[in-house]
C-alpha atoms as a PDB file:
ATOM      1  CA  UNK A   1       0.000   0.000   0.000  1.00  0.00           C
ATOM      2  CA  UNK A   2       1.392   3.454  -0.823  1.00  0.00           C
ATOM      3  CA  UNK A   3       2.251   5.594   2.164  1.00  0.00           C
ATOM      4  CA  UNK A   4       1.039   9.149   2.618  1.00  0.00           C
ATOM      5  CA  UNK A   5       4.117   9.903   4.726  1.00  0.00           C
ATOM      6  CA  UNK A   6       6.955   7.943   3.097  1.00  0.00           C
ATOM      7  CA  UNK A   7       7.886   8.738  -0.503  1.00  0.00           C
ATOM      8  CA  UNK A   8      10.775   6.248  -0.872  1.00  0.00           C
ATOM      9  CA  UNK A   9      13.040   4.075   1.218  1.00  0.00           C
ATOM     10  CA  UNK A  10      16.386   2.379   0.726  1.00  0.00           C
ATOM     11  CA  UNK A  11      18.289  -0.165   2.778  1.00  0.00           C
ATOM     12  CA  UNK A  12      22.050  -0.804   2.833  1.00  0.00           C
ATOM     13  CA  UNK A  13      22.450  -4.187   4.522  1.00  0.00           C
ATOM     14  CA  UNK A  14      26.243  -3.991   4.722  1.00  0.00           C
ATOM     15  CA  UNK A  15      25.928  -0.772   6.765  1.00  0.00           C
ATOM     16  CA  UNK A  16      22.568  -1.556   8.404  1.00  0.00           C
ATOM     17  CA  UNK A  17      21.225   1.850   7.342  1.00  0.00           C
ATOM     18  CA  UNK A  18      17.593   2.396   6.454  1.00  0.00           C
ATOM     19  CA  UNK A  19      17.088   5.651   4.551  1.00  0.00           C
ATOM     20  CA  UNK A  20      13.604   7.122   4.545  1.00  0.00           C
ATOM     21  CA  UNK A  21      12.599   9.883   2.142  1.00  0.00           C
ATOM     22  CA  UNK A  22       9.484  11.519   3.557  1.00  0.00           C
ATOM     23  CA  UNK A  23       6.771  13.123   1.431  1.00  0.00           C
ATOM     24  CA  UNK A  24       7.918  16.478   2.802  1.00  0.00           C
ATOM     25  CA  UNK A  25      11.325  15.937   1.187  1.00  0.00           C
ATOM     26  CA  UNK A  26      13.121  15.340   4.492  1.00  0.00           C
ATOM     27  CA  UNK A  27      15.624  12.477   4.380  1.00  0.00           C
ATOM     28  CA  UNK A  28      16.621  10.497   7.472  1.00  0.00           C
ATOM     29  CA  UNK A  29      19.015   7.601   8.027  1.00  0.00           C
ATOM     30  CA  UNK A  30      18.029   5.105  10.710  1.00  0.00           C
ATOM     31  CA  UNK A  31      21.167   3.430  12.005  1.00  0.00           C
ATOM     32  CA  UNK A  32      21.974  -0.161  12.970  1.00  0.00           C
ATOM     33  CA  UNK A  33      18.684  -1.467  11.565  1.00  0.00           C
ATOM     34  CA  UNK A  34      19.089  -5.218  11.223  1.00  0.00           C
ATOM     35  CA  UNK A  35      17.898  -6.869   8.035  1.00  0.00           C
ATOM     36  CA  UNK A  36      15.075  -8.720   9.810  1.00  0.00           C
ATOM     37  CA  UNK A  37      13.578  -5.396  10.933  1.00  0.00           C
ATOM     38  CA  UNK A  38      13.893  -4.023   7.400  1.00  0.00           C
ATOM     39  CA  UNK A  39      12.177  -7.114   5.992  1.00  0.00           C
ATOM     40  CA  UNK A  40       9.304  -6.639   8.458  1.00  0.00           C
ATOM     41  CA  UNK A  41       9.102  -2.942   7.554  1.00  0.00           C
ATOM     42  CA  UNK A  42       9.024  -3.743   3.851  1.00  0.00           C
ATOM     43  CA  UNK A  43       6.247  -6.309   4.375  1.00  0.00           C
ATOM     44  CA  UNK A  44       4.162  -4.082   6.674  1.00  0.00           C
ATOM     45  CA  UNK A  45       0.729  -3.038   5.431  1.00  0.00           C
ATOM     46  CA  UNK A  46       1.294   0.453   6.851  1.00  0.00           C
ATOM     47  CA  UNK A  47       4.911   1.475   6.562  1.00  0.00           C
ATOM     48  CA  UNK A  48       4.295   4.716   8.480  1.00  0.00           C
ATOM     49  CA  UNK A  49       2.765   2.871  11.438  1.00  0.00           C
ATOM     50  CA  UNK A  50       5.577   0.321  11.471  1.00  0.00           C
ATOM     51  CA  UNK A  51       8.175   3.089  11.300  1.00  0.00           C
ATOM     52  CA  UNK A  52       6.571   4.978  14.188  1.00  0.00           C
ATOM     53  CA  UNK A  53       6.119   1.936  16.442  1.00  0.00           C
ATOM     54  CA  UNK A  54       9.045  -0.354  15.653  1.00  0.00           C
ATOM     55  CA  UNK A  55      11.874   1.776  14.292  1.00  0.00           C
ATOM     56  CA  UNK A  56      11.777   5.370  15.559  1.00  0.00           C
ATOM     57  CA  UNK A  57      11.647   4.459  19.279  1.00  0.00           C
ATOM     58  CA  UNK A  58      14.492   1.929  19.065  1.00  0.00           C
ATOM     59  CA  UNK A  59      17.037   3.087  16.501  1.00  0.00           C
ATOM     60  CA  UNK A  60      19.285   6.124  16.368  1.00  0.00           C
ATOM     61  CA  UNK A  61      18.766   8.381  13.392  1.00  0.00           C
ATOM     62  CA  UNK A  62      20.304  11.332  11.627  1.00  0.00           C
ATOM     63  CA  UNK A  63      18.723  13.908   9.394  1.00  0.00           C
ATOM     64  CA  UNK A  64      20.502  13.812   6.053  1.00  0.00           C
ATOM     65  CA  UNK A  65      18.819  16.601   4.105  1.00  0.00           C
ATOM     66  CA  UNK A  66      15.677  18.231   2.869  1.00  0.00           C
ATOM     67  CA  UNK A  67      15.492  17.643  -0.828  1.00  0.00           C
ATOM     68  CA  UNK A  68      12.251  17.827  -2.770  1.00  0.00           C
ATOM     69  CA  UNK A  69      13.906  16.265  -5.827  1.00  0.00           C
ATOM     70  CA  UNK A  70      14.095  12.757  -4.343  1.00  0.00           C
END
């Protein structure tokens, strides 16, 4: 199902970094996200709900940029 909050996402398994591009254009890296968590996120019916409940409270993150061209 398309997300109203998440425009795109990328995962780098070798670095355990989940990159989320929000609809607003903000880009965040979530750090040390294990592949199992990414697989569950990818399979989730609501990616925004999964992100809010299972990733944001447990993983460090860094704001990368605000870029509306993503």
